[in-house]
Amino acid sequence: MESFLRISPTIRIPLAEIQWHAVRTQGPGGQNVNKVSSAVQLFFPIRESSLPEEVKQTLLRRTDKRITTEGVLIIKSKAHRTQ
């Protein structure tokens, strides 16, 4: 059974279309600096997704730094500096 992320009552994204990776991020100084501090980056390829075509085009027309020229939405979360 595939899991989905519900965006609206009519739009769902299969979780398999979303990738995430843990990355190191700058943390406060000290003996553990750059060893345990991490962030999570989420990658969502808009063009290859199962979103309706009009939704894809609306997203790709946005001038948002989080959307690459290849059409990949990248969101980085580092608020808690832990996975």
PDB file of N, CA and C in Angstrom:
ATOM      1  N   MET A   1       0.846  -1.183   0.000  1.00  0.00           N
ATOM      2  CA  MET A   1       0.000   0.000   0.000  1.00  0.00           C
ATOM      3  C   MET A   1       0.888   1.242   0.000  1.00  0.00           C
ATOM      4  N   GLU A   2       0.650   2.131  -0.945  1.00  0.00           N
ATOM      5  CA  GLU A   2       1.477   3.325  -1.060  1.00  0.00           C
ATOM      6  C   GLU A   2       0.916   4.453  -0.207  1.00  0.00           C
ATOM      7  N   SER A   3       1.805   5.185   0.444  1.00  0.00           N
ATOM      8  CA  SER A   3       1.404   6.307   1.285  1.00  0.00           C
ATOM      9  C   SER A   3       1.421   7.586   0.467  1.00  0.00           C
ATOM     10  N   PHE A   4       0.585   8.512   0.856  1.00  0.00           N
ATOM     11  CA  PHE A   4       0.448   9.768   0.136  1.00  0.00           C
ATOM     12  C   PHE A   4       0.548  10.949   1.096  1.00  0.00           C
ATOM     13  N   LEU A   5       0.955  12.076   0.550  1.00  0.00           N
ATOM     14  CA  LEU A   5       0.917  13.351   1.248  1.00  0.00           C
ATOM     15  C   LEU A   5      -0.259  14.123   0.664  1.00  0.00           C
ATOM     16  N   ARG A   6      -1.251  14.403   1.492  1.00  0.00           N
ATOM     17  CA  ARG A   6      -2.448  15.105   1.011  1.00  0.00           C
ATOM     18  C   ARG A   6      -2.158  16.602   0.965  1.00  0.00           C
ATOM     19  N   ILE A   7      -2.264  17.183  -0.228  1.00  0.00           N
ATOM     20  CA  ILE A   7      -2.041  18.609  -0.440  1.00  0.00           C
ATOM     21  C   ILE A   7      -3.356  19.374  -0.343  1.00  0.00           C
ATOM     22  N   SER A   8      -4.396  18.810  -0.911  1.00  0.00           N
ATOM     23  CA  SER A   8      -5.739  19.388  -0.872  1.00  0.00           C
ATOM     24  C   SER A   8      -6.722  18.218  -0.936  1.00  0.00           C
ATOM     25  N   PRO A   9      -8.024  18.482  -0.876  1.00  0.00           N
ATOM     26  CA  PRO A   9      -8.981  17.370  -0.972  1.00  0.00           C
ATOM     27  C   PRO A   9      -8.863  16.579  -2.282  1.00  0.00           C
ATOM     28  N   THR A  10      -8.345  17.209  -3.331  1.00  0.00           N
ATOM     29  CA  THR A  10      -8.266  16.529  -4.627  1.00  0.00           C
ATOM     30  C   THR A  10      -6.846  16.219  -5.084  1.00  0.00           C
ATOM     31  N   ILE A  11      -5.828  16.715  -4.377  1.00  0.00           N
ATOM     32  CA  ILE A  11      -4.442  16.505  -4.799  1.00  0.00           C
ATOM     33  C   ILE A  11      -3.673  15.755  -3.723  1.00  0.00           C
ATOM     34  N   ARG A  12      -3.066  14.632  -4.135  1.00  0.00           N
ATOM     35  CA  ARG A  12      -2.221  13.836  -3.258  1.00  0.00           C
ATOM     36  C   ARG A  12      -0.910  13.551  -3.989  1.00  0.00           C
ATOM     37  N   ILE A  13       0.180  13.532  -3.240  1.00  0.00           N
ATOM     38  CA  ILE A  13       1.489  13.218  -3.802  1.00  0.00           C
ATOM     39  C   ILE A  13       1.963  11.909  -3.178  1.00  0.00           C
ATOM     40  N   PRO A  14       2.288  10.914  -4.004  1.00  0.00           N
ATOM     41  CA  PRO A  14       2.852   9.688  -3.432  1.00  0.00           C
ATOM     42  C   PRO A  14       4.174   9.998  -2.734  1.00  0.00           C
ATOM     43  N   LEU A  15       4.362   9.474  -1.541  1.00  0.00           N
ATOM     44  CA  LEU A  15       5.595   9.741  -0.799  1.00  0.00           C
ATOM     45  C   LEU A  15       6.826   9.264  -1.560  1.00  0.00           C
ATOM     46  N   ALA A  16       6.665   8.311  -2.453  1.00  0.00           N
ATOM     47  CA  ALA A  16       7.789   7.821  -3.256  1.00  0.00           C
ATOM     48  C   ALA A  16       8.341   8.903  -4.186  1.00  0.00           C
ATOM     49  N   GLU A  17       7.552   9.938  -4.478  1.00  0.00           N
ATOM     50  CA  GLU A  17       8.009  11.030  -5.342  1.00  0.00           C
ATOM     51  C   GLU A  17       8.844  12.060  -4.582  1.00  0.00           C
ATOM     52  N   ILE A  18       8.881  11.957  -3.271  1.00  0.00           N
ATOM     53  CA  ILE A  18       9.612  12.910  -2.441  1.00  0.00           C
ATOM     54  C   ILE A  18      10.865  12.232  -1.906  1.00  0.00           C
ATOM     55  N   GLN A  19      11.999  12.874  -2.106  1.00  0.00           N
ATOM     56  CA  GLN A  19      13.254  12.351  -1.572  1.00  0.00           C
ATOM     57  C   GLN A  19      13.749  13.305  -0.497  1.00  0.00           C
ATOM     58  N   TRP A  20      14.431  12.761   0.497  1.00  0.00           N
ATOM     59  CA  TRP A  20      15.038  13.621   1.500  1.00  0.00           C
ATOM     60  C   TRP A  20      16.395  13.057   1.864  1.00  0.00           C
ATOM     61  N   HIS A  21      17.283  13.975   2.235  1.00  0.00           N
ATOM     62  CA  HIS A  21      18.641  13.612   2.601  1.00  0.00           C
ATOM     63  C   HIS A  21      19.055  14.424   3.820  1.00  0.00           C
ATOM     64  N   ALA A  22      19.767  13.788   4.743  1.00  0.00           N
ATOM     65  CA  ALA A  22      20.346  14.495   5.882  1.00  0.00           C
ATOM     66  C   ALA A  22      21.700  15.051   5.449  1.00  0.00           C
ATOM     67  N   VAL A  23      21.955  16.305   5.769  1.00  0.00           N
ATOM     68  CA  VAL A  23      23.212  16.963   5.407  1.00  0.00           C
ATOM     69  C   VAL A  23      23.765  17.680   6.633  1.00  0.00           C
ATOM     70  N   ARG A  24      25.061  17.887   6.617  1.00  0.00           N
ATOM     71  CA  ARG A  24      25.670  18.673   7.696  1.00  0.00           C
ATOM     72  C   ARG A  24      25.349  20.143   7.476  1.00  0.00           C
ATOM     73  N   THR A  25      25.236  20.853   8.572  1.00  0.00           N
ATOM     74  CA  THR A  25      24.978  22.279   8.505  1.00  0.00           C
ATOM     75  C   THR A  25      25.823  22.965   9.564  1.00  0.00           C
ATOM     76  N   GLN A  26      25.995  24.238   9.397  1.00  0.00           N
ATOM     77  CA  GLN A  26      26.774  24.978  10.386  1.00  0.00           C
ATOM     78  C   GLN A  26      26.045  24.977  11.711  1.00  0.00           C
ATOM     79  N   GLY A  27      26.792  24.692  12.739  1.00  0.00           N
ATOM     80  CA  GLY A  27      26.221  24.693  14.076  1.00  0.00           C
ATOM     81  C   GLY A  27      27.046  25.581  14.977  1.00  0.00           C
ATOM     82  N   PRO A  28      26.665  25.682  16.230  1.00  0.00           N
ATOM     83  CA  PRO A  28      27.460  26.468  17.163  1.00  0.00           C
ATOM     84  C   PRO A  28      28.831  25.827  17.365  1.00  0.00           C
ATOM     85  N   GLY A  29      29.807  26.600  17.746  1.00  0.00           N
ATOM     86  CA  GLY A  29      31.165  26.092  17.950  1.00  0.00           C
ATOM     87  C   GLY A  29      31.236  25.103  19.094  1.00  0.00           C
ATOM     88  N   GLY A  30      32.383  24.511  19.248  1.00  0.00           N
ATOM     89  CA  GLY A  30      32.572  23.534  20.309  1.00  0.00           C
ATOM     90  C   GLY A  30      33.190  22.272  19.746  1.00  0.00           C
ATOM     91  N   GLN A  31      33.390  21.288  20.599  1.00  0.00           N
ATOM     92  CA  GLN A  31      34.099  20.101  20.159  1.00  0.00           C
ATOM     93  C   GLN A  31      33.301  19.254  19.170  1.00  0.00           C
ATOM     94  N   ASN A  32      31.977  19.401  19.109  1.00  0.00           N
ATOM     95  CA  ASN A  32      31.172  18.609  18.172  1.00  0.00           C
ATOM     96  C   ASN A  32      30.808  19.376  16.907  1.00  0.00           C
ATOM     97  N   VAL A  33      31.426  20.505  16.675  1.00  0.00           N
ATOM     98  CA  VAL A  33      31.072  21.314  15.521  1.00  0.00           C
ATOM     99  C   VAL A  33      31.250  20.508  14.233  1.00  0.00           C
ATOM    100  N   ASN A  34      30.256  20.569  13.363  1.00  0.00           N
ATOM    101  CA  ASN A  34      30.210  19.872  12.076  1.00  0.00           C
ATOM    102  C   ASN A  34      30.322  18.359  12.187  1.00  0.00           C
ATOM    103  N   LYS A  35      30.017  17.803  13.351  1.00  0.00           N
ATOM    104  CA  LYS A  35      30.008  16.355  13.506  1.00  0.00           C
ATOM    105  C   LYS A  35      28.587  15.826  13.683  1.00  0.00           C
ATOM    106  N   VAL A  36      27.817  16.481  14.518  1.00  0.00           N
ATOM    107  CA  VAL A  36      26.483  15.975  14.799  1.00  0.00           C
ATOM    108  C   VAL A  36      25.376  16.917  14.334  1.00  0.00           C
ATOM    109  N   SER A  37      25.704  18.170  14.039  1.00  0.00           N
ATOM    110  CA  SER A  37      24.677  19.093  13.574  1.00  0.00           C
ATOM    111  C   SER A  37      24.271  18.708  12.171  1.00  0.00           C
ATOM    112  N   SER A  38      22.984  18.603  11.911  1.00  0.00           N
ATOM    113  CA  SER A  38      22.541  18.235  10.578  1.00  0.00           C
ATOM    114  C   SER A  38      21.250  18.959  10.237  1.00  0.00           C
ATOM    115  N   ALA A  39      20.954  18.949   8.963  1.00  0.00           N
ATOM    116  CA  ALA A  39      19.708  19.499   8.448  1.00  0.00           C
ATOM    117  C   ALA A  39      19.110  18.437   7.545  1.00  0.00           C
ATOM    118  N   VAL A  40      17.878  18.630   7.155  1.00  0.00           N
ATOM    119  CA  VAL A  40      17.233  17.714   6.232  1.00  0.00           C
ATOM    120  C   VAL A  40      16.830  18.509   4.999  1.00  0.00           C
ATOM    121  N   GLN A  41      17.181  17.982   3.817  1.00  0.00           N
ATOM    122  CA  GLN A  41      16.773  18.600   2.564  1.00  0.00           C
ATOM    123  C   GLN A  41      15.745  17.703   1.892  1.00  0.00           C
ATOM    124  N   LEU A  42      14.666  18.308   1.460  1.00  0.00           N
ATOM    125  CA  LEU A  42      13.605  17.613   0.752  1.00  0.00           C
ATOM    126  C   LEU A  42      13.713  17.973  -0.723  1.00  0.00           C
ATOM    127  N   PHE A  43      13.627  16.977  -1.596  1.00  0.00           N
ATOM    128  CA  PHE A  43      13.701  17.188  -3.037  1.00  0.00           C
ATOM    129  C   PHE A  43      12.412  16.672  -3.669  1.00  0.00           C
ATOM    130  N   PHE A  44      11.758  17.520  -4.469  1.00  0.00           N
ATOM    131  CA  PHE A  44      10.524  17.133  -5.154  1.00  0.00           C
ATOM    132  C   PHE A  44      10.613  17.557  -6.613  1.00  0.00           C
ATOM    133  N   PRO A  45      10.822  16.604  -7.534  1.00  0.00           N
ATOM    134  CA  PRO A  45      10.905  16.937  -8.959  1.00  0.00           C
ATOM    135  C   PRO A  45       9.515  17.233  -9.526  1.00  0.00           C
ATOM    136  N   ILE A  46       9.234  18.495  -9.725  1.00  0.00           N
ATOM    137  CA  ILE A  46       7.897  18.920 -10.140  1.00  0.00           C
ATOM    138  C   ILE A  46       7.526  18.343 -11.502  1.00  0.00           C
ATOM    139  N   ARG A  47       8.400  18.457 -12.484  1.00  0.00           N
ATOM    140  CA  ARG A  47       8.080  18.018 -13.853  1.00  0.00           C
ATOM    141  C   ARG A  47       7.763  16.528 -13.933  1.00  0.00           C
ATOM    142  N   GLU A  48       8.457  15.700 -13.147  1.00  0.00           N
ATOM    143  CA  GLU A  48       8.260  14.254 -13.191  1.00  0.00           C
ATOM    144  C   GLU A  48       7.180  13.766 -12.236  1.00  0.00           C
ATOM    145  N   SER A  49       6.597  14.668 -11.488  1.00  0.00           N
ATOM    146  CA  SER A  49       5.626  14.274 -10.465  1.00  0.00           C
ATOM    147  C   SER A  49       4.280  13.911 -11.082  1.00  0.00           C
ATOM    148  N   SER A  50       3.418  13.367 -10.235  1.00  0.00           N
ATOM    149  CA  SER A  50       2.072  12.994 -10.663  1.00  0.00           C
ATOM    150  C   SER A  50       1.058  14.124 -10.474  1.00  0.00           C
ATOM    151  N   LEU A  51       1.543  15.328 -10.167  1.00  0.00           N
ATOM    152  CA  LEU A  51       0.635  16.465 -10.017  1.00  0.00           C
ATOM    153  C   LEU A  51      -0.099  16.732 -11.332  1.00  0.00           C
ATOM    154  N   PRO A  52      -1.300  17.286 -11.267  1.00  0.00           N
ATOM    155  CA  PRO A  52      -1.986  17.683 -12.498  1.00  0.00           C
ATOM    156  C   PRO A  52      -1.141  18.707 -13.267  1.00  0.00           C
ATOM    157  N   GLU A  53      -1.201  18.669 -14.576  1.00  0.00           N
ATOM    158  CA  GLU A  53      -0.363  19.523 -15.418  1.00  0.00           C
ATOM    159  C   GLU A  53      -0.523  21.003 -15.092  1.00  0.00           C
ATOM    160  N   GLU A  54      -1.729  21.473 -14.831  1.00  0.00           N
ATOM    161  CA  GLU A  54      -1.914  22.904 -14.532  1.00  0.00           C
ATOM    162  C   GLU A  54      -1.235  23.287 -13.217  1.00  0.00           C
ATOM    163  N   VAL A  55      -1.196  22.388 -12.250  1.00  0.00           N
ATOM    164  CA  VAL A  55      -0.519  22.652 -10.978  1.00  0.00           C
ATOM    165  C   VAL A  55       0.999  22.707 -11.209  1.00  0.00           C
ATOM    166  N   LYS A  56       1.515  21.770 -12.007  1.00  0.00           N
ATOM    167  CA  LYS A  56       2.943  21.783 -12.340  1.00  0.00           C
ATOM    168  C   LYS A  56       3.338  23.112 -12.973  1.00  0.00           C
ATOM    169  N   GLN A  57       2.560  23.548 -13.955  1.00  0.00           N
ATOM    170  CA  GLN A  57       2.889  24.792 -14.656  1.00  0.00           C
ATOM    171  C   GLN A  57       2.812  25.999 -13.728  1.00  0.00           C
ATOM    172  N   THR A  58       1.843  26.023 -12.831  1.00  0.00           N
ATOM    173  CA  THR A  58       1.736  27.117 -11.860  1.00  0.00           C
ATOM    174  C   THR A  58       2.974  27.164 -10.970  1.00  0.00           C
ATOM    175  N   LEU A  59       3.419  26.008 -10.491  1.00  0.00           N
ATOM    176  CA  LEU A  59       4.615  25.962  -9.648  1.00  0.00           C
ATOM    177  C   LEU A  59       5.859  26.379 -10.422  1.00  0.00           C
ATOM    178  N   LEU A  60       6.005  25.893 -11.641  1.00  0.00           N
ATOM    179  CA  LEU A  60       7.211  26.182 -12.428  1.00  0.00           C
ATOM    180  C   LEU A  60       7.291  27.642 -12.857  1.00  0.00           C
ATOM    181  N   ARG A  61       6.168  28.336 -12.924  1.00  0.00           N
ATOM    182  CA  ARG A  61       6.175  29.765 -13.284  1.00  0.00           C
ATOM    183  C   ARG A  61       6.563  30.663 -12.118  1.00  0.00           C
ATOM    184  N   ARG A  62       6.551  30.125 -10.926  1.00  0.00           N
ATOM    185  CA  ARG A  62       6.866  30.936  -9.738  1.00  0.00           C
ATOM    186  C   ARG A  62       8.329  31.340  -9.746  1.00  0.00           C
ATOM    187  N   THR A  63       8.603  32.535  -9.270  1.00  0.00           N
ATOM    188  CA  THR A  63       9.988  32.971  -9.073  1.00  0.00           C
ATOM    189  C   THR A  63      10.338  32.719  -7.617  1.00  0.00           C
ATOM    190  N   ASP A  64      10.748  31.508  -7.348  1.00  0.00           N
ATOM    191  CA  ASP A  64      11.034  31.057  -5.995  1.00  0.00           C
ATOM    192  C   ASP A  64      12.420  30.426  -6.000  1.00  0.00           C
ATOM    193  N   LYS A  65      13.292  30.901  -5.136  1.00  0.00           N
ATOM    194  CA  LYS A  65      14.664  30.386  -5.074  1.00  0.00           C
ATOM    195  C   LYS A  65      14.717  28.901  -4.753  1.00  0.00           C
ATOM    196  N   ARG A  66      13.658  28.371  -4.184  1.00  0.00           N
ATOM    197  CA  ARG A  66      13.646  26.956  -3.806  1.00  0.00           C
ATOM    198  C   ARG A  66      13.371  26.027  -4.989  1.00  0.00           C
ATOM    199  N   ILE A  67      12.986  26.578  -6.143  1.00  0.00           N
ATOM    200  CA  ILE A  67      12.737  25.775  -7.335  1.00  0.00           C
ATOM    201  C   ILE A  67      13.903  25.989  -8.294  1.00  0.00           C
ATOM    202  N   THR A  68      14.616  24.900  -8.619  1.00  0.00           N
ATOM    203  CA  THR A  68      15.779  24.991  -9.498  1.00  0.00           C
ATOM    204  C   THR A  68      15.342  25.178 -10.947  1.00  0.00           C
ATOM    205  N   THR A  69      16.302  25.513 -11.806  1.00  0.00           N
ATOM    206  CA  THR A  69      15.999  25.655 -13.234  1.00  0.00           C
ATOM    207  C   THR A  69      15.574  24.321 -13.847  1.00  0.00           C
ATOM    208  N   GLU A  70      15.931  23.203 -13.206  1.00  0.00           N
ATOM    209  CA  GLU A  70      15.509  21.881 -13.667  1.00  0.00           C
ATOM    210  C   GLU A  70      14.108  21.525 -13.171  1.00  0.00           C
ATOM    211  N   GLY A  71      13.513  22.384 -12.351  1.00  0.00           N
ATOM    212  CA  GLY A  71      12.165  22.141 -11.860  1.00  0.00           C
ATOM    213  C   GLY A  71      12.089  21.292 -10.614  1.00  0.00           C
ATOM    214  N   VAL A  72      13.151  21.299  -9.825  1.00  0.00           N
ATOM    215  CA  VAL A  72      13.154  20.530  -8.578  1.00  0.00           C
ATOM    216  C   VAL A  72      12.950  21.486  -7.406  1.00  0.00           C
ATOM    217  N   LEU A  73      11.950  21.212  -6.600  1.00  0.00           N
ATOM    218  CA  LEU A  73      11.701  21.993  -5.395  1.00  0.00           C
ATOM    219  C   LEU A  73      12.602  21.445  -4.300  1.00  0.00           C
ATOM    220  N   ILE A  74      13.417  22.316  -3.695  1.00  0.00           N
ATOM    221  CA  ILE A  74      14.317  21.914  -2.620  1.00  0.00           C
ATOM    222  C   ILE A  74      13.983  22.731  -1.386  1.00  0.00           C
ATOM    223  N   ILE A  75      13.663  22.027  -0.315  1.00  0.00           N
ATOM    224  CA  ILE A  75      13.354  22.689   0.954  1.00  0.00           C
ATOM    225  C   ILE A  75      14.342  22.169   1.989  1.00  0.00           C
ATOM    226  N   LYS A  76      14.998  23.082   2.691  1.00  0.00           N
ATOM    227  CA  LYS A  76      15.973  22.704   3.704  1.00  0.00           C
ATOM    228  C   LYS A  76      15.439  23.105   5.072  1.00  0.00           C
ATOM    229  N   SER A  77      15.440  22.148   5.983  1.00  0.00           N
ATOM    230  CA  SER A  77      15.002  22.407   7.348  1.00  0.00           C
ATOM    231  C   SER A  77      16.203  22.241   8.272  1.00  0.00           C
ATOM    232  N   LYS A  78      16.534  23.295   8.978  1.00  0.00           N
ATOM    233  CA  LYS A  78      17.648  23.219   9.919  1.00  0.00           C
ATOM    234  C   LYS A  78      17.306  23.881  11.248  1.00  0.00           C
ATOM    235  N   ALA A  79      16.022  24.009  11.514  1.00  0.00           N
ATOM    236  CA  ALA A  79      15.583  24.710  12.717  1.00  0.00           C
ATOM    237  C   ALA A  79      16.088  24.047  13.998  1.00  0.00           C
ATOM    238  N   HIS A  80      16.078  22.722  14.039  1.00  0.00           N
ATOM    239  CA  HIS A  80      16.483  22.033  15.253  1.00  0.00           C
ATOM    240  C   HIS A  80      17.858  21.391  15.131  1.00  0.00           C
ATOM    241  N   ARG A  81      18.461  21.483  13.957  1.00  0.00           N
ATOM    242  CA  ARG A  81      19.803  20.944  13.695  1.00  0.00           C
ATOM    243  C   ARG A  81      19.934  19.480  14.092  1.00  0.00           C
ATOM    244  N   THR A  82      18.885  18.746  13.888  1.00  0.00           N
ATOM    245  CA  THR A  82      18.913  17.314  14.144  1.00  0.00           C
ATOM    246  C   THR A  82      17.912  16.653  13.215  1.00  0.00           C
ATOM    247  N   GLN A  83      18.174  15.405  12.879  1.00  0.00           N
ATOM    248  CA  GLN A  83      17.264  14.705  11.989  1.00  0.00           C
ATOM    249  C   GLN A  83      15.975  14.368  12.721  1.00  0.00           C
TER     250      GLN A  83
END
